[in-house]
Amino acid sequence: MRLERKKLIERKKELSEGRWTYRVFARRKFSTVDSIAPVPCAFCDLEQRCGHTAVINPSRCEKLTGWLVKTAGEQAGAA
């Protein structure tokens, strides 16, 4: 929800196998490997304990959110 409020992602409601769900899309597309090489997850010391249902997870990660905000800001400034 925080990433959606910051306009980094968008959700679209859709019917899948008879149930309503949301599909999440990045608002900006990365075009090269170099653009995602500095993702903090690649070298994070908590990576082994991180997961969707774990206490440590991508939606609560300050390092990941900070990197996304910084990257989006840099791309907006270049445009």
PDB file of N, CA and C in Angstrom:
ATOM      1  N   MET A   1       0.821  -1.183   0.000  1.00  0.00           N
ATOM      2  CA  MET A   1       0.000   0.000   0.000  1.00  0.00           C
ATOM      3  C   MET A   1       0.873   1.258   0.000  1.00  0.00           C
ATOM      4  N   ARG A   2       1.999   1.216   0.731  1.00  0.00           N
ATOM      5  CA  ARG A   2       2.889   2.382   0.746  1.00  0.00           C
ATOM      6  C   ARG A   2       3.462   2.643  -0.634  1.00  0.00           C
ATOM      7  N   LEU A   3       3.842   1.600  -1.344  1.00  0.00           N
ATOM      8  CA  LEU A   3       4.394   1.770  -2.686  1.00  0.00           C
ATOM      9  C   LEU A   3       3.332   2.273  -3.649  1.00  0.00           C
ATOM     10  N   GLU A   4       2.100   1.889  -3.420  1.00  0.00           N
ATOM     11  CA  GLU A   4       1.007   2.368  -4.264  1.00  0.00           C
ATOM     12  C   GLU A   4       0.750   3.859  -4.007  1.00  0.00           C
ATOM     13  N   ARG A   5       0.776   4.268  -2.745  1.00  0.00           N
ATOM     14  CA  ARG A   5       0.589   5.681  -2.418  1.00  0.00           C
ATOM     15  C   ARG A   5       1.708   6.536  -3.002  1.00  0.00           C
ATOM     16  N   LYS A   6       2.907   5.974  -3.081  1.00  0.00           N
ATOM     17  CA  LYS A   6       4.045   6.709  -3.644  1.00  0.00           C
ATOM     18  C   LYS A   6       4.084   6.617  -5.163  1.00  0.00           C
ATOM     19  N   LYS A   7       3.055   5.994  -5.736  1.00  0.00           N
ATOM     20  CA  LYS A   7       2.890   5.858  -7.184  1.00  0.00           C
ATOM     21  C   LYS A   7       4.018   5.067  -7.845  1.00  0.00           C
ATOM     22  N   LEU A   8       4.570   4.080  -7.108  1.00  0.00           N
ATOM     23  CA  LEU A   8       5.596   3.211  -7.671  1.00  0.00           C
ATOM     24  C   LEU A   8       4.987   1.958  -8.290  1.00  0.00           C
ATOM     25  N   ILE A   9       3.813   1.565  -7.774  1.00  0.00           N
ATOM     26  CA  ILE A   9       3.107   0.407  -8.320  1.00  0.00           C
ATOM     27  C   ILE A   9       1.643   0.773  -8.502  1.00  0.00           C
ATOM     28  N   GLU A  10       0.928  -0.035  -9.268  1.00  0.00           N
ATOM     29  CA  GLU A  10      -0.523   0.113  -9.351  1.00  0.00           C
ATOM     30  C   GLU A  10      -1.154  -1.270  -9.311  1.00  0.00           C
ATOM     31  N   ARG A  11      -2.364  -1.329  -8.759  1.00  0.00           N
ATOM     32  CA  ARG A  11      -3.104  -2.590  -8.667  1.00  0.00           C
ATOM     33  C   ARG A  11      -4.301  -2.508  -9.594  1.00  0.00           C
ATOM     34  N   LYS A  12      -4.580  -3.644 -10.245  1.00  0.00           N
ATOM     35  CA  LYS A  12      -5.766  -3.729 -11.088  1.00  0.00           C
ATOM     36  C   LYS A  12      -6.579  -4.931 -10.630  1.00  0.00           C
ATOM     37  N   LYS A  13      -7.856  -4.685 -10.367  1.00  0.00           N
ATOM     38  CA  LYS A  13      -8.747  -5.755  -9.914  1.00  0.00           C
ATOM     39  C   LYS A  13      -9.101  -6.634 -11.105  1.00  0.00           C
ATOM     40  N   GLU A  14      -9.048  -7.958 -10.902  1.00  0.00           N
ATOM     41  CA  GLU A  14      -9.412  -8.882 -11.974  1.00  0.00           C
ATOM     42  C   GLU A  14      -9.994 -10.163 -11.399  1.00  0.00           C
ATOM     43  N   LEU A  15     -10.758 -10.839 -12.225  1.00  0.00           N
ATOM     44  CA  LEU A  15     -11.371 -12.107 -11.847  1.00  0.00           C
ATOM     45  C   LEU A  15     -10.447 -13.234 -12.289  1.00  0.00           C
ATOM     46  N   SER A  16     -10.040 -14.070 -11.344  1.00  0.00           N
ATOM     47  CA  SER A  16      -9.135 -15.175 -11.643  1.00  0.00           C
ATOM     48  C   SER A  16      -9.691 -16.446 -11.017  1.00  0.00           C
ATOM     49  N   GLU A  17      -9.993 -17.425 -11.830  1.00  0.00           N
ATOM     50  CA  GLU A  17     -10.532 -18.706 -11.368  1.00  0.00           C
ATOM     51  C   GLU A  17     -11.760 -18.506 -10.482  1.00  0.00           C
ATOM     52  N   GLY A  18     -12.620 -17.571 -10.878  1.00  0.00           N
ATOM     53  CA  GLY A  18     -13.864 -17.347 -10.159  1.00  0.00           C
ATOM     54  C   GLY A  18     -13.752 -16.504  -8.899  1.00  0.00           C
ATOM     55  N   ARG A  19     -12.556 -15.943  -8.630  1.00  0.00           N
ATOM     56  CA  ARG A  19     -12.357 -15.130  -7.432  1.00  0.00           C
ATOM     57  C   ARG A  19     -11.756 -13.793  -7.820  1.00  0.00           C
ATOM     58  N   TRP A  20     -12.175 -12.739  -7.124  1.00  0.00           N
ATOM     59  CA  TRP A  20     -11.599 -11.433  -7.374  1.00  0.00           C
ATOM     60  C   TRP A  20     -10.252 -11.314  -6.679  1.00  0.00           C
ATOM     61  N   THR A  21      -9.289 -10.764  -7.387  1.00  0.00           N
ATOM     62  CA  THR A  21      -7.952 -10.561  -6.849  1.00  0.00           C
ATOM     63  C   THR A  21      -7.366  -9.303  -7.473  1.00  0.00           C
ATOM     64  N   TYR A  22      -6.177  -8.946  -7.077  1.00  0.00           N
ATOM     65  CA  TYR A  22      -5.491  -7.794  -7.659  1.00  0.00           C
ATOM     66  C   TYR A  22      -4.201  -8.251  -8.315  1.00  0.00           C
ATOM     67  N   ARG A  23      -3.911  -7.696  -9.468  1.00  0.00           N
ATOM     68  CA  ARG A  23      -2.629  -7.908 -10.137  1.00  0.00           C
ATOM     69  C   ARG A  23      -1.834  -6.626  -9.935  1.00  0.00           C
ATOM     70  N   VAL A  24      -0.575  -6.768  -9.530  1.00  0.00           N
ATOM     71  CA  VAL A  24       0.268  -5.609  -9.237  1.00  0.00           C
ATOM     72  C   VAL A  24       1.225  -5.377 -10.400  1.00  0.00           C
ATOM     73  N   PHE A  25       1.324  -4.109 -10.804  1.00  0.00           N
ATOM     74  CA  PHE A  25       2.201  -3.714 -11.903  1.00  0.00           C
ATOM     75  C   PHE A  25       3.125  -2.596 -11.455  1.00  0.00           C
ATOM     76  N   ALA A  26       4.375  -2.648 -11.895  1.00  0.00           N
ATOM     77  CA  ALA A  26       5.301  -1.543 -11.661  1.00  0.00           C
ATOM     78  C   ALA A  26       4.897  -0.395 -12.578  1.00  0.00           C
ATOM     79  N   ARG A  27       4.930   0.816 -12.058  1.00  0.00           N
ATOM     80  CA  ARG A  27       4.558   1.967 -12.887  1.00  0.00           C
ATOM     81  C   ARG A  27       5.694   2.330 -13.831  1.00  0.00           C
ATOM     82  N   ARG A  28       6.918   2.042 -13.443  1.00  0.00           N
ATOM     83  CA  ARG A  28       8.069   2.304 -14.309  1.00  0.00           C
ATOM     84  C   ARG A  28       8.745   0.976 -14.609  1.00  0.00           C
ATOM     85  N   LYS A  29       9.090   0.777 -15.826  1.00  0.00           N
ATOM     86  CA  LYS A  29       9.748  -0.458 -16.242  1.00  0.00           C
ATOM     87  C   LYS A  29      11.256  -0.255 -16.286  1.00  0.00           C
ATOM     88  N   PHE A  30      12.002  -1.212 -15.747  1.00  0.00           N
ATOM     89  CA  PHE A  30      13.451  -1.178 -15.846  1.00  0.00           C
ATOM     90  C   PHE A  30      13.846  -1.802 -17.172  1.00  0.00           C
ATOM     91  N   SER A  31      14.793  -1.199 -17.851  1.00  0.00           N
ATOM     92  CA  SER A  31      15.137  -1.692 -19.176  1.00  0.00           C
ATOM     93  C   SER A  31      16.478  -2.404 -19.247  1.00  0.00           C
ATOM     94  N   THR A  32      17.317  -2.262 -18.222  1.00  0.00           N
ATOM     95  CA  THR A  32      18.623  -2.908 -18.259  1.00  0.00           C
ATOM     96  C   THR A  32      18.910  -3.599 -16.932  1.00  0.00           C
ATOM     97  N   VAL A  33      19.835  -4.533 -16.971  1.00  0.00           N
ATOM     98  CA  VAL A  33      20.264  -5.217 -15.749  1.00  0.00           C
ATOM     99  C   VAL A  33      20.962  -4.224 -14.829  1.00  0.00           C
ATOM    100  N   ASP A  34      21.686  -3.280 -15.392  1.00  0.00           N
ATOM    101  CA  ASP A  34      22.385  -2.280 -14.581  1.00  0.00           C
ATOM    102  C   ASP A  34      21.420  -1.484 -13.706  1.00  0.00           C
ATOM    103  N   SER A  35      20.194  -1.308 -14.155  1.00  0.00           N
ATOM    104  CA  SER A  35      19.233  -0.520 -13.388  1.00  0.00           C
ATOM    105  C   SER A  35      18.756  -1.245 -12.128  1.00  0.00           C
ATOM    106  N   ILE A  36      18.855  -2.566 -12.083  1.00  0.00           N
ATOM    107  CA  ILE A  36      18.427  -3.306 -10.889  1.00  0.00           C
ATOM    108  C   ILE A  36      19.592  -3.939 -10.132  1.00  0.00           C
ATOM    109  N   ALA A  37      20.803  -3.781 -10.633  1.00  0.00           N
ATOM    110  CA  ALA A  37      21.974  -4.350  -9.961  1.00  0.00           C
ATOM    111  C   ALA A  37      22.135  -3.844  -8.531  1.00  0.00           C
ATOM    112  N   PRO A  38      21.841  -2.565  -8.254  1.00  0.00           N
ATOM    113  CA  PRO A  38      22.010  -2.088  -6.876  1.00  0.00           C
ATOM    114  C   PRO A  38      20.847  -2.405  -5.928  1.00  0.00           C
ATOM    115  N   VAL A  39      19.923  -3.285  -6.316  1.00  0.00           N
ATOM    116  CA  VAL A  39      18.807  -3.651  -5.429  1.00  0.00           C
ATOM    117  C   VAL A  39      19.391  -4.168  -4.111  1.00  0.00           C
ATOM    118  N   PRO A  40      18.957  -3.623  -2.987  1.00  0.00           N
ATOM    119  CA  PRO A  40      19.545  -4.023  -1.706  1.00  0.00           C
ATOM    120  C   PRO A  40      19.330  -5.492  -1.357  1.00  0.00           C
ATOM    121  N   CYS A  41      18.325  -6.139  -1.921  1.00  0.00           N
ATOM    122  CA  CYS A  41      18.043  -7.549  -1.603  1.00  0.00           C
ATOM    123  C   CYS A  41      19.187  -8.468  -2.029  1.00  0.00           C
ATOM    124  N   ALA A  42      19.912  -8.088  -3.068  1.00  0.00           N
ATOM    125  CA  ALA A  42      20.965  -8.947  -3.606  1.00  0.00           C
ATOM    126  C   ALA A  42      22.062  -9.223  -2.583  1.00  0.00           C
ATOM    127  N   PHE A  43      22.326  -8.270  -1.700  1.00  0.00           N
ATOM    128  CA  PHE A  43      23.416  -8.425  -0.737  1.00  0.00           C
ATOM    129  C   PHE A  43      22.957  -8.230   0.703  1.00  0.00           C
ATOM    130  N   CYS A  44      21.668  -8.386   0.941  1.00  0.00           N
ATOM    131  CA  CYS A  44      21.108  -8.164   2.272  1.00  0.00           C
ATOM    132  C   CYS A  44      21.461  -9.314   3.216  1.00  0.00           C
ATOM    133  N   ASP A  45      21.879  -8.953   4.424  1.00  0.00           N
ATOM    134  CA  ASP A  45      22.215  -9.975   5.419  1.00  0.00           C
ATOM    135  C   ASP A  45      20.973 -10.649   6.019  1.00  0.00           C
ATOM    136  N   LEU A  46      19.780 -10.100   5.751  1.00  0.00           N
ATOM    137  CA  LEU A  46      18.536 -10.684   6.255  1.00  0.00           C
ATOM    138  C   LEU A  46      17.809 -11.520   5.202  1.00  0.00           C
ATOM    139  N   GLU A  47      18.398 -11.675   4.037  1.00  0.00           N
ATOM    140  CA  GLU A  47      17.750 -12.343   2.900  1.00  0.00           C
ATOM    141  C   GLU A  47      17.258 -13.751   3.238  1.00  0.00           C
ATOM    142  N   GLN A  48      17.983 -14.484   4.034  1.00  0.00           N
ATOM    143  CA  GLN A  48      17.593 -15.853   4.380  1.00  0.00           C
ATOM    144  C   GLN A  48      16.325 -15.894   5.237  1.00  0.00           C
ATOM    145  N   ARG A  49      16.046 -14.815   5.970  1.00  0.00           N
ATOM    146  CA  ARG A  49      14.878 -14.767   6.852  1.00  0.00           C
ATOM    147  C   ARG A  49      13.731 -13.962   6.253  1.00  0.00           C
ATOM    148  N   CYS A  50      13.918 -13.442   5.045  1.00  0.00           N
ATOM    149  CA  CYS A  50      12.924 -12.589   4.405  1.00  0.00           C
ATOM    150  C   CYS A  50      11.955 -13.432   3.578  1.00  0.00           C
ATOM    151  N   GLY A  51      10.695 -13.093   3.633  1.00  0.00           N
ATOM    152  CA  GLY A  51       9.704 -13.813   2.847  1.00  0.00           C
ATOM    153  C   GLY A  51       8.354 -13.138   2.948  1.00  0.00           C
ATOM    154  N   HIS A  52       7.465 -13.493   2.049  1.00  0.00           N
ATOM    155  CA  HIS A  52       6.148 -12.855   1.982  1.00  0.00           C
ATOM    156  C   HIS A  52       5.382 -12.960   3.293  1.00  0.00           C
ATOM    157  N   THR A  53       5.447 -14.103   3.960  1.00  0.00           N
ATOM    158  CA  THR A  53       4.692 -14.298   5.202  1.00  0.00           C
ATOM    159  C   THR A  53       5.559 -14.152   6.452  1.00  0.00           C
ATOM    160  N   ALA A  54       6.834 -13.832   6.275  1.00  0.00           N
ATOM    161  CA  ALA A  54       7.744 -13.686   7.417  1.00  0.00           C
ATOM    162  C   ALA A  54       7.610 -12.297   8.040  1.00  0.00           C
ATOM    163  N   VAL A  55       8.158 -12.157   9.251  1.00  0.00           N
ATOM    164  CA  VAL A  55       8.171 -10.852   9.912  1.00  0.00           C
ATOM    165  C   VAL A  55       8.992  -9.874   9.077  1.00  0.00           C
ATOM    166  N   ILE A  56      10.112 -10.339   8.568  1.00  0.00           N
ATOM    167  CA  ILE A  56      10.938  -9.539   7.666  1.00  0.00           C
ATOM    168  C   ILE A  56      10.444  -9.836   6.259  1.00  0.00           C
ATOM    169  N   ASN A  57       9.910  -8.819   5.572  1.00  0.00           N
ATOM    170  CA  ASN A  57       9.374  -9.058   4.239  1.00  0.00           C
ATOM    171  C   ASN A  57       9.524  -7.805   3.373  1.00  0.00           C
ATOM    172  N   PRO A  58       9.433  -7.960   2.060  1.00  0.00           N
ATOM    173  CA  PRO A  58       9.642  -6.827   1.150  1.00  0.00           C
ATOM    174  C   PRO A  58       8.710  -5.647   1.391  1.00  0.00           C
ATOM    175  N   SER A  59       7.479  -5.876   1.814  1.00  0.00           N
ATOM    176  CA  SER A  59       6.548  -4.766   2.002  1.00  0.00           C
ATOM    177  C   SER A  59       6.883  -3.911   3.221  1.00  0.00           C
ATOM    178  N   ARG A  60       7.683  -4.425   4.134  1.00  0.00           N
ATOM    179  CA  ARG A  60       8.074  -3.675   5.335  1.00  0.00           C
ATOM    180  C   ARG A  60       9.555  -3.306   5.334  1.00  0.00           C
ATOM    181  N   CYS A  61      10.253  -3.603   4.269  1.00  0.00           N
ATOM    182  CA  CYS A  61      11.703  -3.402   4.233  1.00  0.00           C
ATOM    183  C   CYS A  61      12.050  -1.938   3.945  1.00  0.00           C
ATOM    184  N   GLU A  62      12.699  -1.292   4.918  1.00  0.00           N
ATOM    185  CA  GLU A  62      13.087   0.106   4.743  1.00  0.00           C
ATOM    186  C   GLU A  62      14.181   0.260   3.687  1.00  0.00           C
ATOM    187  N   LYS A  63      15.097  -0.711   3.611  1.00  0.00           N
ATOM    188  CA  LYS A  63      16.162  -0.642   2.606  1.00  0.00           C
ATOM    189  C   LYS A  63      15.579  -0.698   1.191  1.00  0.00           C
ATOM    190  N   LEU A  64      14.666  -1.624   0.961  1.00  0.00           N
ATOM    191  CA  LEU A  64      14.063  -1.780  -0.356  1.00  0.00           C
ATOM    192  C   LEU A  64      13.203  -0.572  -0.717  1.00  0.00           C
ATOM    193  N   THR A  65      12.382  -0.106   0.217  1.00  0.00           N
ATOM    194  CA  THR A  65      11.536   1.060  -0.033  1.00  0.00           C
ATOM    195  C   THR A  65      12.398   2.290  -0.324  1.00  0.00           C
ATOM    196  N   GLY A  66      13.454   2.476   0.452  1.00  0.00           N
ATOM    197  CA  GLY A  66      14.363   3.606   0.224  1.00  0.00           C
ATOM    198  C   GLY A  66      14.997   3.557  -1.157  1.00  0.00           C
ATOM    199  N   TRP A  67      15.417   2.364  -1.561  1.00  0.00           N
ATOM    200  CA  TRP A  67      16.031   2.214  -2.886  1.00  0.00           C
ATOM    201  C   TRP A  67      15.016   2.514  -3.986  1.00  0.00           C
ATOM    202  N   LEU A  68      13.782   2.027  -3.842  1.00  0.00           N
ATOM    203  CA  LEU A  68      12.747   2.284  -4.845  1.00  0.00           C
ATOM    204  C   LEU A  68      12.425   3.770  -4.956  1.00  0.00           C
ATOM    205  N   VAL A  69      12.302   4.446  -3.821  1.00  0.00           N
ATOM    206  CA  VAL A  69      12.008   5.876  -3.826  1.00  0.00           C
ATOM    207  C   VAL A  69      13.153   6.650  -4.467  1.00  0.00           C
ATOM    208  N   LYS A  70      14.382   6.309  -4.105  1.00  0.00           N
ATOM    209  CA  LYS A  70      15.556   6.981  -4.675  1.00  0.00           C
ATOM    210  C   LYS A  70      15.623   6.763  -6.186  1.00  0.00           C
ATOM    211  N   THR A  71      15.412   5.528  -6.625  1.00  0.00           N
ATOM    212  CA  THR A  71      15.474   5.203  -8.044  1.00  0.00           C
ATOM    213  C   THR A  71      14.368   5.925  -8.815  1.00  0.00           C
ATOM    214  N   ALA A  72      13.173   5.947  -8.259  1.00  0.00           N
ATOM    215  CA  ALA A  72      12.061   6.643  -8.925  1.00  0.00           C
ATOM    216  C   ALA A  72      12.342   8.142  -9.001  1.00  0.00           C
ATOM    217  N   GLY A  73      12.918   8.699  -7.957  1.00  0.00           N
ATOM    218  CA  GLY A  73      13.267  10.114  -7.940  1.00  0.00           C
ATOM    219  C   GLY A  73      14.326  10.460  -8.980  1.00  0.00           C
ATOM    220  N   GLU A  74      15.320   9.573  -9.110  1.00  0.00           N
ATOM    221  CA  GLU A  74      16.377   9.796 -10.107  1.00  0.00           C
ATOM    222  C   GLU A  74      15.808   9.730 -11.522  1.00  0.00           C
ATOM    223  N   GLN A  75      14.909   8.782 -11.753  1.00  0.00           N
ATOM    224  CA  GLN A  75      14.317   8.641 -13.088  1.00  0.00           C
ATOM    225  C   GLN A  75      13.397   9.806 -13.393  1.00  0.00           C
ATOM    226  N   ALA A  76      12.677  10.303 -12.387  1.00  0.00           N
ATOM    227  CA  ALA A  76      11.784  11.449 -12.599  1.00  0.00           C
ATOM    228  C   ALA A  76      12.609  12.709 -12.890  1.00  0.00           C
ATOM    229  N   GLY A  77      13.756  12.838 -12.228  1.00  0.00           N
ATOM    230  CA  GLY A  77      14.626  13.993 -12.454  1.00  0.00           C
ATOM    231  C   GLY A  77      15.276  13.968 -13.826  1.00  0.00           C
ATOM    232  N   ALA A  78      15.489  12.766 -14.367  1.00  0.00           N
ATOM    233  CA  ALA A  78      16.106  12.630 -15.691  1.00  0.00           C
ATOM    234  C   ALA A  78      15.114  12.873 -16.818  1.00  0.00           C
ATOM    235  N   ALA A  79      13.823  12.756 -16.502  1.00  0.00           N
ATOM    236  CA  ALA A  79      12.795  12.905 -17.533  1.00  0.00           C
ATOM    237  C   ALA A  79      12.493  14.348 -17.860  1.00  0.00           C
TER     238      ALA A  79
END
